[in-house]
């Protein structure tokens, strides 16, 4: 059996230049780090405190059982004072970071929902048009077809006029051939 892929490759460690990509990577990696620290604490019964400072200088603390108690133990053993602003409530900051991640997901879903709503609206319009067409008799359908062909010809002529007036050379001939070729078969009912 021949191996077709190169498998998992080592990624070069370098600073991400794209700010959006940097923020997304930071959020994901930070949550992953906090999850791994939580698992380590649960599995081994250890006490952990993490302080992560984002590229925008926002501090994200995490601690099991909490940051303050772990830092207090550290200070008592090493007598190196740490400033109080670094000892924020870890659960609140972790929830805030999860909230911002969820808010970005909600925004993406809202955009998808708006697109789906637009597609549903278009489909409803098409269904309404189809039902109106079903109610027409043959004479009315022929009149509708004639009017649609006239509208198609008028639109094609206007497009051709605009293309030729913009003097785009060869692109004009190609575009007008495509437009007039499509107009004759646009309203065929088989």
N, C-alpha and C. Protein backbone atom coordinates (compact mmCIF):
# COMPACT_ATOMS: atom_id res chain seq x y z
N UNK A 1 0.85 -1.18 0.00
CA UNK A 1 0.00 0.00 0.00
C UNK A 1 0.89 1.24 0.00
N UNK A 2 0.61 2.15 -0.91
CA UNK A 2 1.39 3.37 -1.05
C UNK A 2 0.75 4.48 -0.23
N UNK A 3 1.56 5.16 0.54
CA UNK A 3 1.07 6.27 1.36
C UNK A 3 0.87 7.48 0.46
N UNK A 4 -0.36 8.07 0.48
CA UNK A 4 -0.70 9.15 -0.44
C UNK A 4 -0.50 10.53 0.15
N UNK A 5 -0.51 10.64 1.47
CA UNK A 5 -0.36 11.96 2.07
C UNK A 5 0.96 12.02 2.83
N UNK A 6 1.34 13.22 3.18
CA UNK A 6 2.57 13.40 3.93
C UNK A 6 2.33 13.29 5.42
N UNK A 7 1.08 13.13 5.81
CA UNK A 7 0.78 13.00 7.23
C UNK A 7 0.82 14.34 7.93
N UNK A 8 0.87 14.28 9.21
CA UNK A 8 0.88 15.49 10.01
C UNK A 8 2.29 16.08 10.02
N UNK A 9 2.41 17.33 9.63
CA UNK A 9 3.71 17.97 9.53
C UNK A 9 3.91 18.96 10.68
N UNK A 10 5.13 19.18 11.04
CA UNK A 10 5.46 20.15 12.08
C UNK A 10 5.21 21.56 11.54
N UNK A 11 4.53 22.37 12.32
CA UNK A 11 4.24 23.73 11.94
C UNK A 11 5.32 24.64 12.51
N UNK A 12 5.85 25.53 11.66
CA UNK A 12 6.87 26.46 12.14
C UNK A 12 6.24 27.43 13.12
N UNK A 13 6.91 27.67 14.22
CA UNK A 13 6.42 28.60 15.23
C UNK A 13 6.84 30.01 14.82
N UNK A 14 5.85 30.84 14.51
CA UNK A 14 6.12 32.23 14.18
C UNK A 14 4.89 33.05 14.53
N UNK A 15 5.08 34.33 14.71
CA UNK A 15 3.98 35.24 15.07
C UNK A 15 2.99 35.33 13.92
N UNK A 16 1.69 35.25 14.23
CA UNK A 16 0.64 35.38 13.23
C UNK A 16 0.47 36.86 12.93
N UNK A 17 0.49 37.21 11.63
CA UNK A 17 0.43 38.61 11.24
C UNK A 17 -1.00 39.12 11.09
N UNK A 18 -1.92 38.28 10.63
CA UNK A 18 -3.31 38.67 10.44
C UNK A 18 -3.98 38.83 11.80
N UNK A 19 -4.51 40.03 12.11
CA UNK A 19 -5.06 40.30 13.44
C UNK A 19 -6.29 39.45 13.75
N UNK A 20 -7.16 39.23 12.76
CA UNK A 20 -8.34 38.39 13.00
C UNK A 20 -7.92 36.96 13.31
N UNK A 21 -7.00 36.44 12.51
CA UNK A 21 -6.50 35.08 12.72
C UNK A 21 -5.80 34.98 14.08
N UNK A 22 -5.07 36.03 14.46
CA UNK A 22 -4.37 36.06 15.74
C UNK A 22 -5.35 35.98 16.89
N UNK A 23 -6.44 36.75 16.82
CA UNK A 23 -7.44 36.75 17.90
C UNK A 23 -8.14 35.41 18.00
N UNK A 24 -8.51 34.82 16.86
CA UNK A 24 -9.17 33.52 16.87
C UNK A 24 -8.25 32.45 17.44
N UNK A 25 -7.00 32.44 17.00
CA UNK A 25 -6.04 31.46 17.49
C UNK A 25 -5.79 31.65 18.98
N UNK A 26 -5.67 32.90 19.42
CA UNK A 26 -5.45 33.16 20.84
C UNK A 26 -6.62 32.64 21.67
N UNK A 27 -7.85 32.93 21.26
CA UNK A 27 -9.02 32.48 22.01
C UNK A 27 -9.08 30.96 22.10
N UNK A 28 -8.88 30.30 20.95
CA UNK A 28 -8.93 28.83 20.95
C UNK A 28 -7.82 28.22 21.80
N UNK A 29 -6.61 28.68 21.60
CA UNK A 29 -5.49 28.12 22.33
C UNK A 29 -5.61 28.38 23.83
N UNK A 30 -6.10 29.58 24.21
CA UNK A 30 -6.26 29.92 25.62
C UNK A 30 -7.28 29.00 26.27
N UNK A 31 -8.42 28.80 25.59
CA UNK A 31 -9.43 27.89 26.15
C UNK A 31 -8.89 26.46 26.23
N UNK A 32 -8.13 26.05 25.22
CA UNK A 32 -7.52 24.72 25.26
C UNK A 32 -6.55 24.58 26.42
N UNK A 33 -5.76 25.63 26.65
CA UNK A 33 -4.80 25.63 27.77
C UNK A 33 -5.54 25.54 29.09
N UNK A 34 -6.62 26.33 29.24
CA UNK A 34 -7.40 26.29 30.48
C UNK A 34 -8.05 24.92 30.68
N UNK A 35 -8.53 24.31 29.61
CA UNK A 35 -9.13 22.97 29.72
C UNK A 35 -8.09 21.94 30.15
N UNK A 36 -6.89 22.02 29.56
CA UNK A 36 -5.84 21.07 29.94
C UNK A 36 -5.40 21.27 31.39
N UNK A 37 -5.32 22.53 31.82
CA UNK A 37 -4.96 22.80 33.21
C UNK A 37 -6.03 22.25 34.15
N UNK A 38 -7.29 22.40 33.77
CA UNK A 38 -8.39 21.86 34.57
C UNK A 38 -8.31 20.34 34.66
N UNK A 39 -8.04 19.68 33.54
CA UNK A 39 -7.91 18.22 33.54
C UNK A 39 -6.73 17.78 34.41
N UNK A 40 -5.61 18.49 34.32
CA UNK A 40 -4.45 18.16 35.15
C UNK A 40 -4.80 18.28 36.62
N UNK A 41 -5.51 19.32 36.97
CA UNK A 41 -5.91 19.53 38.36
C UNK A 41 -6.84 18.41 38.84
N UNK A 42 -7.81 18.05 38.01
CA UNK A 42 -8.75 16.99 38.39
C UNK A 42 -8.05 15.64 38.48
N UNK A 43 -7.23 15.32 37.49
CA UNK A 43 -6.57 14.01 37.46
C UNK A 43 -5.54 13.83 38.57
N UNK A 44 -4.83 14.88 38.92
CA UNK A 44 -3.73 14.73 39.88
C UNK A 44 -4.04 15.35 41.24
N UNK A 45 -5.15 16.09 41.34
CA UNK A 45 -5.47 16.74 42.60
C UNK A 45 -4.58 17.93 42.90
N UNK A 46 -3.91 18.44 41.88
CA UNK A 46 -3.01 19.58 42.09
C UNK A 46 -3.79 20.89 42.03
N UNK A 47 -3.15 21.94 42.53
CA UNK A 47 -3.74 23.26 42.47
C UNK A 47 -2.97 24.06 41.42
N UNK A 48 -3.70 24.73 40.57
CA UNK A 48 -3.08 25.39 39.42
C UNK A 48 -3.57 26.83 39.32
N UNK A 49 -2.67 27.73 38.96
CA UNK A 49 -3.02 29.11 38.65
C UNK A 49 -2.32 29.50 37.35
N UNK A 50 -3.08 30.02 36.41
CA UNK A 50 -2.54 30.49 35.14
C UNK A 50 -2.95 31.93 34.93
N UNK A 51 -2.04 32.74 34.46
CA UNK A 51 -2.34 34.11 34.06
C UNK A 51 -1.89 34.25 32.62
N UNK A 52 -2.85 34.57 31.73
CA UNK A 52 -2.55 34.73 30.32
C UNK A 52 -2.88 36.17 29.94
N UNK A 53 -1.92 36.84 29.32
CA UNK A 53 -2.13 38.22 28.88
C UNK A 53 -2.26 38.21 27.36
N UNK A 54 -3.39 38.71 26.87
CA UNK A 54 -3.67 38.70 25.44
C UNK A 54 -2.81 39.73 24.70
N UNK A 55 -2.79 39.65 23.37
CA UNK A 55 -2.06 40.66 22.59
C UNK A 55 -2.59 42.08 22.83
N UNK A 56 -3.86 42.17 23.27
CA UNK A 56 -4.43 43.50 23.56
C UNK A 56 -4.28 43.85 25.04
N UNK A 57 -3.39 43.16 25.75
CA UNK A 57 -3.05 43.39 27.16
C UNK A 57 -4.22 43.15 28.12
N UNK A 58 -5.12 42.26 27.75
CA UNK A 58 -6.20 41.87 28.66
C UNK A 58 -5.73 40.62 29.40
N UNK A 59 -5.94 40.61 30.74
CA UNK A 59 -5.47 39.50 31.56
C UNK A 59 -6.59 38.47 31.71
N UNK A 60 -6.25 37.20 31.45
CA UNK A 60 -7.18 36.09 31.61
C UNK A 60 -6.60 35.13 32.65
N UNK A 61 -7.11 35.17 33.88
CA UNK A 61 -6.62 34.23 34.89
C UNK A 61 -7.45 32.96 34.91
N UNK A 62 -6.82 31.89 35.35
CA UNK A 62 -7.52 30.62 35.54
C UNK A 62 -6.89 29.94 36.76
N UNK A 63 -7.71 29.37 37.60
CA UNK A 63 -7.18 28.69 38.78
C UNK A 63 -8.07 27.56 39.25
N UNK A 64 -7.45 26.54 39.75
CA UNK A 64 -8.16 25.42 40.38
C UNK A 64 -7.55 25.24 41.76
N UNK A 65 -8.20 25.47 42.84
CA UNK A 65 -9.61 25.81 42.97
C UNK A 65 -9.89 27.25 42.58
N UNK A 66 -9.01 28.19 42.87
CA UNK A 66 -9.13 29.55 42.34
C UNK A 66 -7.74 30.20 42.37
N UNK A 67 -7.60 31.25 41.59
CA UNK A 67 -6.29 31.89 41.40
C UNK A 67 -5.76 32.45 42.72
N UNK A 68 -6.62 33.13 43.46
CA UNK A 68 -6.18 33.81 44.67
C UNK A 68 -5.56 32.82 45.69
N UNK A 69 -6.20 31.68 45.91
CA UNK A 69 -5.67 30.75 46.91
C UNK A 69 -4.32 30.17 46.48
N UNK A 70 -4.17 29.88 45.20
CA UNK A 70 -2.90 29.33 44.70
C UNK A 70 -1.81 30.39 44.78
N UNK A 71 -2.11 31.63 44.44
CA UNK A 71 -1.12 32.70 44.52
C UNK A 71 -0.74 32.97 45.98
N UNK A 72 -1.73 32.92 46.88
CA UNK A 72 -1.44 33.11 48.30
C UNK A 72 -0.46 32.05 48.79
N UNK A 73 -0.67 30.80 48.39
CA UNK A 73 0.26 29.74 48.78
C UNK A 73 1.65 30.01 48.22
N UNK A 74 1.71 30.46 46.97
CA UNK A 74 2.99 30.77 46.35
C UNK A 74 3.68 31.91 47.10
N UNK A 75 2.93 32.95 47.42
CA UNK A 75 3.51 34.09 48.13
C UNK A 75 4.03 33.67 49.50
N UNK A 76 3.30 32.82 50.18
CA UNK A 76 3.75 32.37 51.50
C UNK A 76 5.04 31.56 51.41
N UNK A 77 5.19 30.76 50.38
CA UNK A 77 6.39 29.95 50.23
C UNK A 77 7.57 30.74 49.72
N UNK A 78 7.34 31.68 48.82
CA UNK A 78 8.44 32.39 48.18
C UNK A 78 8.54 33.85 48.59
N UNK A 79 7.60 34.33 49.30
CA UNK A 79 7.53 35.72 49.77
C UNK A 79 7.81 36.73 48.67
N UNK A 80 7.23 36.49 47.49
CA UNK A 80 7.33 37.44 46.39
C UNK A 80 5.93 38.00 46.16
N UNK A 81 5.68 39.24 46.55
CA UNK A 81 4.33 39.78 46.42
C UNK A 81 3.94 39.99 44.95
N UNK A 82 2.70 39.67 44.68
CA UNK A 82 2.13 39.93 43.37
C UNK A 82 1.05 40.99 43.51
N UNK A 83 0.85 41.77 42.47
CA UNK A 83 -0.14 42.84 42.57
C UNK A 83 -1.55 42.26 42.57
N UNK A 84 -2.47 42.97 43.23
CA UNK A 84 -3.84 42.48 43.35
C UNK A 84 -4.60 42.47 42.04
N UNK A 85 -4.28 43.36 41.10
CA UNK A 85 -5.05 43.39 39.86
C UNK A 85 -4.85 42.12 39.05
N UNK A 86 -3.78 41.36 39.30
CA UNK A 86 -3.56 40.11 38.59
C UNK A 86 -4.36 38.97 39.20
N UNK A 87 -4.95 39.17 40.34
CA UNK A 87 -5.67 38.11 41.04
C UNK A 87 -7.17 38.27 40.84
N UNK A 88 -7.60 38.39 39.61
CA UNK A 88 -9.02 38.53 39.31
C UNK A 88 -9.71 37.19 39.48
N UNK A 89 -11.01 37.23 39.59
CA UNK A 89 -11.79 36.01 39.72
C UNK A 89 -11.69 35.21 38.42
N UNK A 90 -11.10 34.03 38.48
CA UNK A 90 -10.83 33.25 37.28
C UNK A 90 -12.11 32.76 36.61
N UNK A 91 -13.08 32.37 37.39
CA UNK A 91 -14.31 31.88 36.78
C UNK A 91 -15.01 32.97 35.98
N UNK A 92 -15.03 34.18 36.49
CA UNK A 92 -15.68 35.27 35.78
C UNK A 92 -14.95 35.55 34.47
N UNK A 93 -13.64 35.58 34.50
CA UNK A 93 -12.89 35.86 33.27
C UNK A 93 -13.01 34.73 32.26
N UNK A 94 -13.03 33.50 32.76
CA UNK A 94 -13.19 32.36 31.84
C UNK A 94 -14.58 32.42 31.20
N UNK A 95 -15.59 32.74 32.00
CA UNK A 95 -16.94 32.86 31.46
C UNK A 95 -17.03 34.02 30.48
N UNK A 96 -16.33 35.12 30.75
CA UNK A 96 -16.33 36.26 29.83
C UNK A 96 -15.70 35.87 28.49
N UNK A 97 -14.63 35.11 28.55
CA UNK A 97 -13.99 34.70 27.29
C UNK A 97 -14.88 33.73 26.52
N UNK A 98 -15.54 32.82 27.23
CA UNK A 98 -16.47 31.91 26.58
C UNK A 98 -17.64 32.68 26.00
N UNK A 99 -18.11 33.70 26.73
CA UNK A 99 -19.21 34.52 26.25
C UNK A 99 -18.84 35.23 24.96
N UNK A 100 -17.65 35.81 24.88
CA UNK A 100 -17.25 36.51 23.66
C UNK A 100 -17.11 35.54 22.49
N UNK A 101 -16.63 34.33 22.76
CA UNK A 101 -16.53 33.32 21.71
C UNK A 101 -17.93 32.93 21.23
N UNK A 102 -18.86 32.74 22.18
CA UNK A 102 -20.23 32.39 21.81
C UNK A 102 -20.92 33.54 21.07
N UNK A 103 -20.63 34.77 21.45
CA UNK A 103 -21.22 35.92 20.76
C UNK A 103 -20.76 35.99 19.32
N UNK A 104 -19.49 35.68 19.07
CA UNK A 104 -19.01 35.67 17.69
C UNK A 104 -19.68 34.55 16.89
N UNK A 105 -19.93 33.41 17.54
CA UNK A 105 -20.63 32.32 16.87
C UNK A 105 -22.07 32.71 16.57
N UNK A 106 -22.71 33.41 17.52
CA UNK A 106 -24.09 33.86 17.33
C UNK A 106 -24.17 34.83 16.14
N UNK A 107 -23.21 35.74 16.04
CA UNK A 107 -23.19 36.68 14.92
C UNK A 107 -23.05 35.93 13.59
N UNK A 108 -22.19 34.92 13.56
CA UNK A 108 -22.02 34.14 12.33
C UNK A 108 -23.32 33.41 12.00
N UNK A 109 -23.98 32.86 13.01
CA UNK A 109 -25.25 32.17 12.77
C UNK A 109 -26.34 33.14 12.33
N UNK A 110 -26.33 34.36 12.86
CA UNK A 110 -27.31 35.37 12.42
C UNK A 110 -27.12 35.67 10.94
N UNK A 111 -25.86 35.79 10.50
CA UNK A 111 -25.60 36.05 9.09
C UNK A 111 -26.08 34.90 8.23
N UNK A 112 -25.83 33.66 8.69
CA UNK A 112 -26.31 32.50 7.96
C UNK A 112 -27.83 32.48 7.92
N UNK A 113 -28.46 32.83 9.04
CA UNK A 113 -29.91 32.87 9.12
C UNK A 113 -30.49 33.89 8.16
N UNK A 114 -29.86 35.05 8.06
CA UNK A 114 -30.33 36.08 7.14
C UNK A 114 -30.25 35.59 5.70
N UNK A 115 -29.17 34.90 5.37
CA UNK A 115 -29.02 34.35 4.03
C UNK A 115 -30.09 33.30 3.76
N UNK A 116 -30.35 32.43 4.72
CA UNK A 116 -31.37 31.40 4.57
C UNK A 116 -32.75 32.04 4.42
N UNK A 117 -33.03 33.08 5.22
CA UNK A 117 -34.31 33.80 5.10
C UNK A 117 -34.48 34.36 3.70
N UNK A 118 -33.42 34.94 3.15
CA UNK A 118 -33.47 35.49 1.80
C UNK A 118 -33.78 34.39 0.78
N UNK A 119 -33.11 33.25 0.93
CA UNK A 119 -33.35 32.14 0.01
C UNK A 119 -34.79 31.62 0.13
N UNK A 120 -35.31 31.53 1.36
CA UNK A 120 -36.69 31.09 1.57
C UNK A 120 -37.66 32.08 0.93
N UNK A 121 -37.38 33.37 1.10
CA UNK A 121 -38.23 34.40 0.52
C UNK A 121 -38.25 34.28 -1.00
N UNK A 122 -37.09 34.05 -1.60
CA UNK A 122 -37.02 33.88 -3.06
C UNK A 122 -37.82 32.65 -3.49
N UNK A 123 -37.70 31.57 -2.72
CA UNK A 123 -38.43 30.34 -3.05
C UNK A 123 -39.94 30.58 -2.93
N UNK A 124 -40.36 31.31 -1.89
CA UNK A 124 -41.79 31.62 -1.73
C UNK A 124 -42.29 32.43 -2.92
N UNK A 125 -41.50 33.41 -3.35
CA UNK A 125 -41.90 34.24 -4.50
C UNK A 125 -42.04 33.38 -5.74
N UNK A 126 -41.11 32.45 -5.93
CA UNK A 126 -41.18 31.57 -7.08
C UNK A 126 -42.42 30.69 -7.01
N UNK A 127 -42.74 30.17 -5.82
CA UNK A 127 -43.92 29.33 -5.65
C UNK A 127 -45.19 30.13 -5.92
N UNK A 128 -45.24 31.38 -5.45
CA UNK A 128 -46.40 32.22 -5.70
C UNK A 128 -46.56 32.48 -7.19
N UNK A 129 -45.45 32.75 -7.88
CA UNK A 129 -45.50 32.97 -9.31
C UNK A 129 -45.96 31.70 -10.03
N UNK A 130 -45.44 30.55 -9.60
CA UNK A 130 -45.85 29.28 -10.20
C UNK A 130 -47.35 29.05 -10.03
N UNK A 131 -47.88 29.36 -8.83
CA UNK A 131 -49.31 29.14 -8.61
C UNK A 131 -50.15 30.11 -9.45
N UNK A 132 -49.67 31.35 -9.62
CA UNK A 132 -50.39 32.30 -10.48
C UNK A 132 -50.38 31.83 -11.93
N UNK A 133 -49.26 31.31 -12.38
CA UNK A 133 -49.16 30.81 -13.76
C UNK A 133 -50.10 29.63 -13.96
N UNK A 134 -50.24 28.78 -12.97
CA UNK A 134 -51.13 27.62 -13.08
C UNK A 134 -52.58 28.04 -13.29
N UNK A 135 -52.95 29.20 -12.78
CA UNK A 135 -54.33 29.67 -12.89
C UNK A 135 -54.63 30.30 -14.24
N UNK A 136 -53.61 30.64 -15.04
CA UNK A 136 -53.81 31.30 -16.33
C UNK A 136 -54.24 30.29 -17.39
N UNK A 137 -55.07 30.78 -18.35
CA UNK A 137 -55.42 29.91 -19.48
C UNK A 137 -54.37 30.07 -20.57
N UNK A 138 -54.53 29.35 -21.68
CA UNK A 138 -53.52 29.31 -22.74
C UNK A 138 -53.30 30.70 -23.34
N UNK A 139 -54.35 31.44 -23.61
CA UNK A 139 -54.20 32.78 -24.21
C UNK A 139 -53.42 33.71 -23.29
N UNK A 140 -53.74 33.67 -22.01
CA UNK A 140 -53.04 34.52 -21.05
C UNK A 140 -51.57 34.11 -20.92
N UNK A 141 -51.32 32.81 -20.98
CA UNK A 141 -49.93 32.32 -20.92
C UNK A 141 -49.14 32.78 -22.14
N UNK A 142 -49.77 32.75 -23.32
CA UNK A 142 -49.08 33.21 -24.53
C UNK A 142 -48.78 34.70 -24.45
N UNK A 143 -49.72 35.49 -23.91
CA UNK A 143 -49.48 36.92 -23.74
C UNK A 143 -48.33 37.16 -22.75
N UNK A 144 -48.32 36.40 -21.67
CA UNK A 144 -47.25 36.52 -20.67
C UNK A 144 -45.90 36.16 -21.29
N UNK A 145 -45.87 35.10 -22.08
CA UNK A 145 -44.63 34.69 -22.74
C UNK A 145 -44.14 35.77 -23.70
N UNK A 146 -45.07 36.35 -24.47
CA UNK A 146 -44.70 37.41 -25.42
C UNK A 146 -44.14 38.62 -24.67
N UNK A 147 -44.80 39.01 -23.58
CA UNK A 147 -44.33 40.16 -22.79
C UNK A 147 -42.96 39.88 -22.17
N UNK A 148 -42.75 38.63 -21.70
CA UNK A 148 -41.46 38.28 -21.10
C UNK A 148 -40.35 38.32 -22.15
N UNK A 149 -40.66 37.84 -23.38
CA UNK A 149 -39.67 37.88 -24.45
C UNK A 149 -39.32 39.32 -24.84
N UNK A 150 -40.35 40.17 -24.89
CA UNK A 150 -40.11 41.58 -25.21
C UNK A 150 -39.24 42.24 -24.13
N UNK A 151 -39.55 41.95 -22.87
CA UNK A 151 -38.74 42.49 -21.78
C UNK A 151 -37.31 41.98 -21.86
N UNK A 152 -37.16 40.69 -22.17
CA UNK A 152 -35.82 40.10 -22.30
C UNK A 152 -35.06 40.78 -23.43
N UNK A 153 -35.73 41.00 -24.57
CA UNK A 153 -35.08 41.67 -25.70
C UNK A 153 -34.69 43.10 -25.35
N UNK A 154 -35.59 43.82 -24.65
CA UNK A 154 -35.29 45.20 -24.25
C UNK A 154 -34.08 45.25 -23.32
N UNK A 155 -34.03 44.32 -22.37
CA UNK A 155 -32.90 44.27 -21.43
C UNK A 155 -31.61 43.94 -22.18
N UNK A 156 -31.69 42.97 -23.09
CA UNK A 156 -30.50 42.59 -23.86
C UNK A 156 -30.00 43.75 -24.72
N UNK A 157 -30.95 44.50 -25.34
CA UNK A 157 -30.55 45.64 -26.16
C UNK A 157 -29.89 46.72 -25.30
N UNK A 158 -30.44 46.98 -24.13
CA UNK A 158 -29.86 47.99 -23.24
C UNK A 158 -28.45 47.59 -22.80
N UNK A 159 -28.29 46.31 -22.47
CA UNK A 159 -26.96 45.83 -22.08
C UNK A 159 -25.99 45.98 -23.25
N UNK A 160 -26.45 45.60 -24.44
CA UNK A 160 -25.59 45.71 -25.63
C UNK A 160 -25.23 47.17 -25.89
N UNK A 161 -26.22 48.07 -25.75
CA UNK A 161 -25.97 49.50 -25.96
C UNK A 161 -24.93 50.02 -24.98
N UNK A 162 -25.05 49.61 -23.72
CA UNK A 162 -24.10 50.09 -22.71
C UNK A 162 -22.70 49.52 -22.95
N UNK A 163 -22.66 48.26 -23.36
CA UNK A 163 -21.35 47.64 -23.61
C UNK A 163 -20.66 48.29 -24.81
N UNK A 164 -21.42 48.57 -25.86
CA UNK A 164 -20.79 49.17 -27.04
C UNK A 164 -20.41 50.62 -26.78
N UNK A 165 -21.20 51.32 -25.94
CA UNK A 165 -20.85 52.71 -25.65
C UNK A 165 -19.62 52.82 -24.76
N UNK A 166 -19.35 51.77 -23.98
CA UNK A 166 -18.16 51.82 -23.13
C UNK A 166 -16.90 51.43 -23.89
N UNK A 167 -17.07 51.02 -25.15
CA UNK A 167 -15.97 50.68 -26.07
C UNK A 167 -14.93 49.77 -25.41
N UNK A 168 -15.40 48.57 -25.10
CA UNK A 168 -14.50 47.60 -24.48
C UNK A 168 -13.91 46.62 -25.48
N UNK A 169 -14.04 46.85 -26.74
CA UNK A 169 -13.37 46.05 -27.75
C UNK A 169 -13.95 44.65 -27.87
N UNK A 170 -13.08 43.66 -27.81
CA UNK A 170 -13.47 42.27 -28.02
C UNK A 170 -14.44 41.77 -26.96
N UNK A 171 -14.31 42.29 -25.75
CA UNK A 171 -15.19 41.84 -24.67
C UNK A 171 -16.64 42.18 -24.99
N UNK A 172 -16.88 43.26 -25.74
CA UNK A 172 -18.23 43.66 -26.10
C UNK A 172 -18.88 42.60 -26.98
N UNK A 173 -18.14 42.13 -28.01
CA UNK A 173 -18.70 41.14 -28.91
C UNK A 173 -18.98 39.84 -28.20
N UNK A 174 -18.09 39.41 -27.36
CA UNK A 174 -18.29 38.16 -26.62
C UNK A 174 -19.49 38.28 -25.70
N UNK A 175 -19.56 39.40 -24.96
CA UNK A 175 -20.65 39.59 -24.00
C UNK A 175 -21.98 39.68 -24.71
N UNK A 176 -22.07 40.41 -25.84
CA UNK A 176 -23.34 40.55 -26.52
C UNK A 176 -23.77 39.23 -27.14
N UNK A 177 -22.84 38.42 -27.62
CA UNK A 177 -23.18 37.11 -28.15
C UNK A 177 -23.76 36.21 -27.07
N UNK A 178 -23.21 36.29 -25.90
CA UNK A 178 -23.73 35.49 -24.79
C UNK A 178 -25.11 35.98 -24.40
N UNK A 179 -25.30 37.28 -24.33
CA UNK A 179 -26.58 37.85 -23.92
C UNK A 179 -27.67 37.48 -24.91
N UNK A 180 -27.42 37.70 -26.22
CA UNK A 180 -28.46 37.43 -27.20
C UNK A 180 -28.67 35.94 -27.38
N UNK A 181 -27.65 35.15 -27.19
CA UNK A 181 -27.82 33.69 -27.26
C UNK A 181 -28.69 33.18 -26.13
N UNK A 182 -28.57 33.77 -24.95
CA UNK A 182 -29.35 33.33 -23.79
C UNK A 182 -30.78 33.81 -23.88
N UNK A 183 -31.02 34.95 -24.53
CA UNK A 183 -32.36 35.53 -24.51
C UNK A 183 -33.37 34.68 -25.27
N UNK A 184 -32.95 33.99 -26.31
CA UNK A 184 -33.91 33.22 -27.11
C UNK A 184 -34.38 31.97 -26.40
N UNK A 185 -33.57 31.41 -25.52
CA UNK A 185 -33.98 30.17 -24.84
C UNK A 185 -34.39 30.38 -23.41
N UNK A 186 -34.39 31.64 -22.94
CA UNK A 186 -34.66 31.90 -21.55
C UNK A 186 -36.07 31.50 -21.14
N UNK A 187 -37.07 31.68 -22.03
CA UNK A 187 -38.46 31.45 -21.66
C UNK A 187 -39.07 30.27 -22.41
N UNK A 188 -38.32 29.24 -22.63
CA UNK A 188 -38.90 28.07 -23.30
C UNK A 188 -39.58 27.20 -22.25
N UNK A 189 -40.81 26.78 -22.54
CA UNK A 189 -41.58 25.95 -21.62
C UNK A 189 -41.74 24.58 -22.23
N UNK A 190 -40.99 23.61 -21.75
CA UNK A 190 -41.08 22.25 -22.29
C UNK A 190 -41.87 21.37 -21.36
